[in-house]
Amino acid sequence: MKNNVLCCFFLICSITILTAQESIEAKHQLDWKKNYSNAERIAKKENKNLLIYFTGSDWCGPCKMLVEDFFNSKKFFGLSENFVLYEANFPRNKDLVTKEQQVINKKLKSRFRVTSYPTILILKSNGKEIGRRKGYNLMRDVSYHFNFIESYLK
């Protein structure tokens, strides 16, 4: 009987902790726009720069590390409010993006002559490219990327 009560207690505590953790993580979700036209419209309306992240989310090792170390950081979350975010994803699993996103992303890749992943572009609200950062180092030093992003804060 004591074991059952003790097991129930630990189960309830575990569920509470997991729920709290999910709640904390949910507060730090980045607002990646799913539609490029909407992202452009919002950037113009709010007079914000547009950040486009070119990635191969399910196969590109450096892209995965950049998301983990940089984009998922609290510091980037705070800075992200200064930008409209759009992810141009080129996954091997085509189910991860819609057909419409695939077409738009290919056009963006061609328009901006993106040749490697990860690549981050900063565009003015009028669509003109003002900054580009390619790659991510194996030392996992995000200072290079933060310096880049911070140089485009309005």
N, C-alpha and C. Protein backbone atom coordinates (compact mmCIF):
# COMPACT_ATOMS: atom_id res chain seq x y z
N MET A 1 0.82 -1.20 0.00
CA MET A 1 0.00 0.00 0.00
C MET A 1 0.87 1.26 0.00
N LYS A 2 1.90 1.27 0.87
CA LYS A 2 2.80 2.42 0.92
C LYS A 2 3.50 2.62 -0.42
N ASN A 3 3.87 1.50 -1.05
CA ASN A 3 4.54 1.60 -2.34
C ASN A 3 3.62 2.21 -3.40
N ASN A 4 2.35 1.83 -3.37
CA ASN A 4 1.40 2.39 -4.33
C ASN A 4 1.22 3.89 -4.12
N VAL A 5 1.11 4.30 -2.88
CA VAL A 5 0.95 5.72 -2.56
C VAL A 5 2.21 6.48 -2.99
N LEU A 6 3.35 5.93 -2.70
CA LEU A 6 4.62 6.55 -3.06
C LEU A 6 4.77 6.65 -4.58
N CYS A 7 4.40 5.61 -5.29
CA CYS A 7 4.45 5.62 -6.76
C CYS A 7 3.52 6.69 -7.32
N CYS A 8 2.32 6.78 -6.78
CA CYS A 8 1.37 7.80 -7.23
C CYS A 8 1.92 9.20 -6.98
N PHE A 9 2.52 9.39 -5.82
CA PHE A 9 3.10 10.69 -5.49
C PHE A 9 4.17 11.08 -6.51
N PHE A 10 5.10 10.15 -6.80
CA PHE A 10 6.16 10.44 -7.76
C PHE A 10 5.61 10.66 -9.17
N LEU A 11 4.59 9.92 -9.52
CA LEU A 11 3.97 10.09 -10.82
C LEU A 11 3.35 11.48 -10.96
N ILE A 12 2.64 11.90 -9.94
CA ILE A 12 2.01 13.22 -9.96
C ILE A 12 3.08 14.31 -10.01
N CYS A 13 4.13 14.16 -9.23
CA CYS A 13 5.22 15.15 -9.25
C CYS A 13 5.88 15.21 -10.62
N SER A 14 6.11 14.07 -11.22
CA SER A 14 6.74 14.02 -12.54
C SER A 14 5.87 14.71 -13.59
N ILE A 15 4.59 14.43 -13.56
CA ILE A 15 3.67 15.05 -14.52
C ILE A 15 3.64 16.56 -14.33
N THR A 16 3.62 17.00 -13.09
CA THR A 16 3.61 18.43 -12.79
C THR A 16 4.88 19.10 -13.32
N ILE A 17 6.01 18.48 -13.10
CA ILE A 17 7.29 19.05 -13.57
C ILE A 17 7.33 19.10 -15.09
N LEU A 18 6.91 18.03 -15.75
CA LEU A 18 6.90 18.01 -17.21
C LEU A 18 5.95 19.06 -17.78
N THR A 19 4.80 19.21 -17.19
CA THR A 19 3.83 20.20 -17.64
C THR A 19 4.38 21.60 -17.47
N ALA A 20 5.03 21.85 -16.35
CA ALA A 20 5.64 23.16 -16.11
C ALA A 20 6.74 23.44 -17.13
N GLN A 21 7.55 22.42 -17.44
CA GLN A 21 8.63 22.58 -18.41
C GLN A 21 8.05 22.90 -19.79
N GLU A 22 7.01 22.18 -20.20
CA GLU A 22 6.38 22.45 -21.49
C GLU A 22 5.80 23.86 -21.53
N SER A 23 5.25 24.30 -20.43
CA SER A 23 4.68 25.64 -20.35
C SER A 23 5.76 26.69 -20.50
N ILE A 24 6.91 26.47 -19.87
CA ILE A 24 8.03 27.41 -19.98
C ILE A 24 8.53 27.45 -21.41
N GLU A 25 8.67 26.27 -22.04
CA GLU A 25 9.16 26.22 -23.41
C GLU A 25 8.16 26.88 -24.36
N ALA A 26 6.88 26.72 -24.12
CA ALA A 26 5.87 27.31 -24.99
C ALA A 26 5.94 28.82 -24.98
N LYS A 27 6.37 29.41 -23.88
CA LYS A 27 6.48 30.86 -23.79
C LYS A 27 7.59 31.39 -24.68
N HIS A 28 8.55 30.53 -25.03
CA HIS A 28 9.70 30.95 -25.82
C HIS A 28 9.63 30.43 -27.25
N GLN A 29 8.44 30.26 -27.78
CA GLN A 29 8.28 29.84 -29.16
C GLN A 29 8.48 31.04 -30.08
N LEU A 30 9.34 30.87 -31.07
CA LEU A 30 9.56 31.94 -32.03
C LEU A 30 8.39 32.00 -33.00
N ASP A 31 8.11 33.17 -33.50
CA ASP A 31 6.98 33.39 -34.40
C ASP A 31 7.45 33.32 -35.85
N TRP A 32 7.83 32.11 -36.31
CA TRP A 32 8.23 31.92 -37.70
C TRP A 32 6.99 31.96 -38.56
N LYS A 33 6.96 32.87 -39.52
CA LYS A 33 5.82 32.98 -40.43
C LYS A 33 5.87 31.80 -41.41
N LYS A 34 4.71 31.27 -41.72
CA LYS A 34 4.61 30.13 -42.64
C LYS A 34 4.40 30.58 -44.08
N ASN A 35 4.00 31.82 -44.27
CA ASN A 35 3.69 32.35 -45.59
C ASN A 35 4.58 33.56 -45.85
N TYR A 36 5.39 33.48 -46.91
CA TYR A 36 6.34 34.55 -47.17
C TYR A 36 5.65 35.88 -47.50
N SER A 37 4.56 35.82 -48.25
CA SER A 37 3.83 37.06 -48.58
C SER A 37 3.33 37.75 -47.32
N ASN A 38 2.83 36.97 -46.38
CA ASN A 38 2.38 37.55 -45.11
C ASN A 38 3.56 38.14 -44.35
N ALA A 39 4.70 37.46 -44.37
CA ALA A 39 5.88 37.97 -43.68
C ALA A 39 6.31 39.31 -44.27
N GLU A 40 6.30 39.41 -45.60
CA GLU A 40 6.64 40.68 -46.26
C GLU A 40 5.66 41.78 -45.87
N ARG A 41 4.39 41.45 -45.89
CA ARG A 41 3.34 42.42 -45.56
C ARG A 41 3.51 42.94 -44.13
N ILE A 42 3.76 42.03 -43.20
CA ILE A 42 3.94 42.41 -41.80
C ILE A 42 5.19 43.28 -41.64
N ALA A 43 6.28 42.92 -42.32
CA ALA A 43 7.52 43.70 -42.24
C ALA A 43 7.28 45.14 -42.72
N LYS A 44 6.54 45.28 -43.81
CA LYS A 44 6.24 46.62 -44.32
C LYS A 44 5.34 47.39 -43.35
N LYS A 45 4.29 46.72 -42.89
CA LYS A 45 3.33 47.37 -41.99
C LYS A 45 3.99 47.83 -40.70
N GLU A 46 4.85 46.98 -40.12
CA GLU A 46 5.48 47.28 -38.84
C GLU A 46 6.85 47.93 -39.00
N ASN A 47 7.27 48.17 -40.24
CA ASN A 47 8.57 48.75 -40.55
C ASN A 47 9.70 48.00 -39.83
N LYS A 48 9.69 46.69 -39.99
CA LYS A 48 10.71 45.83 -39.40
C LYS A 48 11.52 45.18 -40.50
N ASN A 49 12.75 44.82 -40.16
CA ASN A 49 13.55 44.02 -41.06
C ASN A 49 13.02 42.59 -41.06
N LEU A 50 13.23 41.91 -42.19
CA LEU A 50 12.80 40.54 -42.36
C LEU A 50 14.02 39.64 -42.27
N LEU A 51 13.98 38.63 -41.41
CA LEU A 51 15.06 37.68 -41.27
C LEU A 51 14.60 36.39 -41.94
N ILE A 52 15.35 35.94 -42.94
CA ILE A 52 15.05 34.68 -43.62
C ILE A 52 16.15 33.69 -43.26
N TYR A 53 15.73 32.54 -42.77
CA TYR A 53 16.66 31.47 -42.41
C TYR A 53 16.54 30.34 -43.42
N PHE A 54 17.58 30.14 -44.23
CA PHE A 54 17.63 29.06 -45.21
C PHE A 54 18.25 27.84 -44.54
N THR A 55 17.51 26.73 -44.54
CA THR A 55 17.93 25.55 -43.81
C THR A 55 17.50 24.27 -44.51
N GLY A 56 18.16 23.21 -44.17
CA GLY A 56 17.72 21.86 -44.49
C GLY A 56 17.47 21.21 -43.15
N SER A 57 16.31 21.46 -42.59
CA SER A 57 16.04 21.18 -41.18
C SER A 57 16.19 19.73 -40.77
N ASP A 58 15.98 18.80 -41.69
CA ASP A 58 16.03 17.39 -41.29
C ASP A 58 17.29 16.66 -41.74
N TRP A 59 18.22 17.35 -42.38
CA TRP A 59 19.43 16.68 -42.83
C TRP A 59 20.72 17.48 -42.63
N CYS A 60 20.63 18.77 -42.45
CA CYS A 60 21.81 19.64 -42.35
C CYS A 60 22.28 19.73 -40.90
N GLY A 61 23.42 19.09 -40.60
CA GLY A 61 23.95 19.10 -39.24
C GLY A 61 24.20 20.49 -38.68
N PRO A 62 24.93 21.35 -39.40
CA PRO A 62 25.16 22.71 -38.90
C PRO A 62 23.85 23.49 -38.69
N CYS A 63 22.85 23.24 -39.53
CA CYS A 63 21.55 23.91 -39.36
C CYS A 63 20.90 23.49 -38.05
N LYS A 64 20.95 22.20 -37.75
CA LYS A 64 20.36 21.70 -36.51
C LYS A 64 21.07 22.29 -35.29
N MET A 65 22.41 22.37 -35.37
CA MET A 65 23.17 22.95 -34.25
C MET A 65 22.86 24.43 -34.09
N LEU A 66 22.72 25.15 -35.21
CA LEU A 66 22.42 26.58 -35.14
C LEU A 66 21.05 26.82 -34.50
N VAL A 67 20.09 25.99 -34.83
CA VAL A 67 18.77 26.11 -34.20
C VAL A 67 18.89 25.87 -32.71
N GLU A 68 19.57 24.82 -32.33
CA GLU A 68 19.71 24.47 -30.91
C GLU A 68 20.47 25.54 -30.12
N ASP A 69 21.57 26.01 -30.66
CA ASP A 69 22.45 26.93 -29.93
C ASP A 69 22.04 28.40 -30.04
N PHE A 70 21.50 28.78 -31.17
CA PHE A 70 21.26 30.19 -31.45
C PHE A 70 19.76 30.53 -31.44
N PHE A 71 19.02 29.94 -32.36
CA PHE A 71 17.61 30.30 -32.49
C PHE A 71 16.78 29.90 -31.26
N ASN A 72 17.14 28.82 -30.59
CA ASN A 72 16.38 28.40 -29.41
C ASN A 72 16.88 29.05 -28.11
N SER A 73 17.78 30.00 -28.21
CA SER A 73 18.30 30.65 -27.00
C SER A 73 17.35 31.76 -26.53
N LYS A 74 17.38 32.01 -25.24
CA LYS A 74 16.57 33.10 -24.67
C LYS A 74 17.00 34.44 -25.25
N LYS A 75 18.30 34.60 -25.49
CA LYS A 75 18.81 35.86 -26.02
C LYS A 75 18.21 36.12 -27.41
N PHE A 76 18.21 35.11 -28.28
CA PHE A 76 17.63 35.32 -29.60
C PHE A 76 16.13 35.56 -29.50
N PHE A 77 15.48 34.85 -28.60
CA PHE A 77 14.04 35.05 -28.44
C PHE A 77 13.75 36.53 -28.16
N GLY A 78 14.54 37.15 -27.30
CA GLY A 78 14.34 38.57 -27.00
C GLY A 78 14.62 39.45 -28.20
N LEU A 79 15.65 39.13 -28.96
CA LEU A 79 16.00 39.93 -30.14
C LEU A 79 15.02 39.73 -31.29
N SER A 80 14.38 38.58 -31.33
CA SER A 80 13.51 38.24 -32.46
C SER A 80 12.33 39.18 -32.61
N GLU A 81 11.95 39.85 -31.54
CA GLU A 81 10.83 40.77 -31.60
C GLU A 81 11.11 41.96 -32.52
N ASN A 82 12.37 42.17 -32.87
CA ASN A 82 12.76 43.26 -33.75
C ASN A 82 12.71 42.89 -35.23
N PHE A 83 12.37 41.64 -35.51
CA PHE A 83 12.38 41.13 -36.89
C PHE A 83 11.08 40.39 -37.17
N VAL A 84 10.77 40.28 -38.45
CA VAL A 84 9.75 39.33 -38.90
C VAL A 84 10.54 38.12 -39.38
N LEU A 85 10.20 36.94 -38.89
CA LEU A 85 10.97 35.73 -39.15
C LEU A 85 10.30 34.86 -40.21
N TYR A 86 11.11 34.37 -41.15
CA TYR A 86 10.62 33.41 -42.14
C TYR A 86 11.68 32.33 -42.33
N GLU A 87 11.26 31.07 -42.28
CA GLU A 87 12.16 29.95 -42.49
C GLU A 87 11.95 29.39 -43.88
N ALA A 88 12.99 29.46 -44.71
CA ALA A 88 12.98 28.85 -46.04
C ALA A 88 13.62 27.48 -45.89
N ASN A 89 12.79 26.48 -45.69
CA ASN A 89 13.24 25.13 -45.37
C ASN A 89 13.29 24.27 -46.62
N PHE A 90 14.38 23.51 -46.75
CA PHE A 90 14.59 22.59 -47.87
C PHE A 90 14.86 21.18 -47.31
N PRO A 91 13.85 20.60 -46.67
CA PRO A 91 14.05 19.29 -46.06
C PRO A 91 14.03 18.17 -47.09
N ARG A 92 14.63 17.05 -46.74
CA ARG A 92 14.52 15.85 -47.59
C ARG A 92 13.12 15.28 -47.48
N ASN A 93 12.55 15.35 -46.27
CA ASN A 93 11.17 14.90 -46.05
C ASN A 93 10.25 16.03 -46.50
N LYS A 94 9.73 15.89 -47.70
CA LYS A 94 8.92 16.96 -48.30
C LYS A 94 7.61 17.21 -47.56
N ASP A 95 7.22 16.31 -46.66
CA ASP A 95 6.00 16.51 -45.87
C ASP A 95 6.17 17.61 -44.82
N LEU A 96 7.39 18.07 -44.58
CA LEU A 96 7.63 19.10 -43.57
C LEU A 96 7.27 20.50 -44.04
N VAL A 97 7.12 20.68 -45.35
CA VAL A 97 6.70 21.97 -45.91
C VAL A 97 5.61 21.73 -46.95
N THR A 98 4.75 22.71 -47.09
CA THR A 98 3.68 22.59 -48.08
C THR A 98 4.25 22.75 -49.49
N LYS A 99 3.49 22.35 -50.47
CA LYS A 99 3.90 22.53 -51.88
C LYS A 99 4.12 24.02 -52.18
N GLU A 100 3.22 24.84 -51.66
CA GLU A 100 3.34 26.29 -51.86
C GLU A 100 4.65 26.81 -51.26
N GLN A 101 4.99 26.35 -50.04
CA GLN A 101 6.24 26.77 -49.41
C GLN A 101 7.44 26.30 -50.22
N GLN A 102 7.38 25.08 -50.77
CA GLN A 102 8.48 24.57 -51.58
C GLN A 102 8.74 25.48 -52.78
N VAL A 103 7.67 25.90 -53.45
CA VAL A 103 7.80 26.77 -54.62
C VAL A 103 8.38 28.12 -54.22
N ILE A 104 7.81 28.73 -53.18
CA ILE A 104 8.28 30.05 -52.71
C ILE A 104 9.74 29.95 -52.26
N ASN A 105 10.08 28.92 -51.50
CA ASN A 105 11.44 28.78 -51.00
C ASN A 105 12.45 28.63 -52.13
N LYS A 106 12.10 27.88 -53.19
CA LYS A 106 12.99 27.75 -54.35
C LYS A 106 13.18 29.10 -55.03
N LYS A 107 12.11 29.88 -55.14
CA LYS A 107 12.22 31.21 -55.74
C LYS A 107 13.12 32.12 -54.90
N LEU A 108 12.96 32.06 -53.58
CA LEU A 108 13.79 32.88 -52.69
C LEU A 108 15.26 32.46 -52.80
N LYS A 109 15.50 31.16 -52.84
CA LYS A 109 16.87 30.65 -52.95
C LYS A 109 17.53 31.16 -54.23
N SER A 110 16.78 31.15 -55.32
CA SER A 110 17.29 31.63 -56.60
C SER A 110 17.46 33.15 -56.58
N ARG A 111 16.46 33.85 -56.11
CA ARG A 111 16.49 35.32 -56.07
C ARG A 111 17.69 35.85 -55.29
N PHE A 112 17.98 35.22 -54.15
CA PHE A 112 19.05 35.70 -53.30
C PHE A 112 20.36 34.91 -53.47
N ARG A 113 20.37 34.01 -54.45
CA ARG A 113 21.57 33.23 -54.78
C ARG A 113 22.16 32.54 -53.56
N VAL A 114 21.31 31.84 -52.85
CA VAL A 114 21.76 31.08 -51.68
C VAL A 114 22.34 29.76 -52.18
N THR A 115 23.58 29.49 -51.77
CA THR A 115 24.27 28.29 -52.26
C THR A 115 24.64 27.31 -51.16
N SER A 116 24.42 27.67 -49.91
CA SER A 116 24.78 26.76 -48.82
C SER A 116 23.86 26.98 -47.63
N TYR A 117 23.84 25.98 -46.77
CA TYR A 117 23.02 26.01 -45.56
C TYR A 117 23.92 25.84 -44.36
N PRO A 118 23.61 26.44 -43.26
CA PRO A 118 22.58 27.45 -43.06
C PRO A 118 23.02 28.81 -43.60
N THR A 119 22.05 29.58 -44.03
CA THR A 119 22.28 30.97 -44.45
C THR A 119 21.17 31.82 -43.83
N ILE A 120 21.57 32.94 -43.25
CA ILE A 120 20.62 33.90 -42.69
C ILE A 120 20.72 35.18 -43.51
N LEU A 121 19.57 35.65 -43.98
CA LEU A 121 19.51 36.93 -44.70
C LEU A 121 18.72 37.92 -43.87
N ILE A 122 19.13 39.16 -43.93
CA ILE A 122 18.36 40.26 -43.36
C ILE A 122 17.95 41.15 -44.52
N LEU A 123 16.63 41.40 -44.62
CA LEU A 123 16.10 42.27 -45.66
C LEU A 123 15.45 43.48 -45.00
N LYS A 124 15.57 44.62 -45.66
CA LYS A 124 14.81 45.78 -45.21
C LYS A 124 13.34 45.50 -45.48
N SER A 125 12.47 46.29 -44.91
CA SER A 125 11.04 46.07 -45.08
C SER A 125 10.61 46.21 -46.55
N ASN A 126 11.44 46.83 -47.38
CA ASN A 126 11.13 46.95 -48.81
C ASN A 126 11.64 45.76 -49.62
N GLY A 127 12.25 44.78 -48.97
CA GLY A 127 12.72 43.56 -49.64
C GLY A 127 14.16 43.59 -50.08
N LYS A 128 14.87 44.69 -49.84
CA LYS A 128 16.27 44.79 -50.25
C LYS A 128 17.17 44.09 -49.22
N GLU A 129 18.06 43.23 -49.71
CA GLU A 129 18.99 42.54 -48.83
C GLU A 129 20.00 43.52 -48.25
N ILE A 130 20.18 43.46 -46.92
CA ILE A 130 21.15 44.33 -46.27
C ILE A 130 22.19 43.55 -45.47
N GLY A 131 21.98 42.24 -45.32
CA GLY A 131 22.95 41.44 -44.58
C GLY A 131 22.82 39.96 -44.87
N ARG A 132 23.96 39.25 -44.75
CA ARG A 132 23.98 37.81 -45.01
C ARG A 132 25.04 37.17 -44.11
N ARG A 133 24.67 36.04 -43.53
CA ARG A 133 25.61 35.26 -42.72
C ARG A 133 25.44 33.80 -43.14
N LYS A 134 26.55 33.19 -43.56
CA LYS A 134 26.51 31.80 -44.02
C LYS A 134 27.25 30.91 -43.03
N GLY A 135 26.75 29.68 -42.89
CA GLY A 135 27.45 28.66 -42.14
C GLY A 135 27.30 28.76 -40.63
N TYR A 136 27.90 27.78 -39.99
CA TYR A 136 27.97 27.72 -38.54
C TYR A 136 29.16 26.86 -38.18
N ASN A 137 29.99 27.34 -37.27
CA ASN A 137 31.23 26.63 -36.97
C ASN A 137 31.03 25.45 -36.02
N LEU A 138 31.91 24.51 -36.11
CA LEU A 138 31.82 23.32 -35.26
C LEU A 138 32.18 23.61 -33.81
N MET A 139 32.75 24.79 -33.55
CA MET A 139 33.04 25.18 -32.17
C MET A 139 31.76 25.63 -31.46
N ARG A 140 30.70 25.81 -32.25
CA ARG A 140 29.38 26.18 -31.73
C ARG A 140 29.41 27.53 -31.01
N ASP A 141 30.18 28.45 -31.58
CA ASP A 141 30.31 29.80 -31.03
C ASP A 141 29.26 30.70 -31.69
N VAL A 142 28.23 31.06 -30.94
CA VAL A 142 27.13 31.85 -31.49
C VAL A 142 27.40 33.36 -31.47
N SER A 143 28.51 33.79 -30.91
CA SER A 143 28.78 35.22 -30.82
C SER A 143 28.82 35.86 -32.21
N TYR A 144 29.34 35.16 -33.17
CA TYR A 144 29.42 35.62 -34.55
C TYR A 144 28.01 35.94 -35.07
N HIS A 145 27.06 35.06 -34.78
CA HIS A 145 25.69 35.26 -35.24
C HIS A 145 24.97 36.35 -34.45
N PHE A 146 25.22 36.41 -33.15
CA PHE A 146 24.59 37.47 -32.36
C PHE A 146 25.12 38.85 -32.79
N ASN A 147 26.40 38.96 -33.05
CA ASN A 147 26.95 40.24 -33.51
C ASN A 147 26.30 40.65 -34.83
N PHE A 148 26.11 39.67 -35.71
CA PHE A 148 25.45 39.92 -36.99
C PHE A 148 24.03 40.44 -36.78
N ILE A 149 23.23 39.71 -36.00
CA ILE A 149 21.83 40.08 -35.76
C ILE A 149 21.73 41.45 -35.08
N GLU A 150 22.55 41.67 -34.06
CA GLU A 150 22.48 42.91 -33.30
C GLU A 150 22.86 44.12 -34.15
N SER A 151 23.66 43.91 -35.19
CA SER A 151 24.05 45.04 -36.03
C SER A 151 22.89 45.55 -36.89
N TYR A 152 21.80 44.79 -36.95
CA TYR A 152 20.62 45.20 -37.75
C TYR A 152 19.41 45.57 -36.90
N LEU A 153 19.63 45.78 -35.62
CA LEU A 153 18.52 46.21 -34.77
C LEU A 153 18.23 47.67 -35.07
N LYS A 154 16.95 48.00 -35.11
CA LYS A 154 16.56 49.40 -35.38
C LYS A 154 16.49 50.19 -34.11
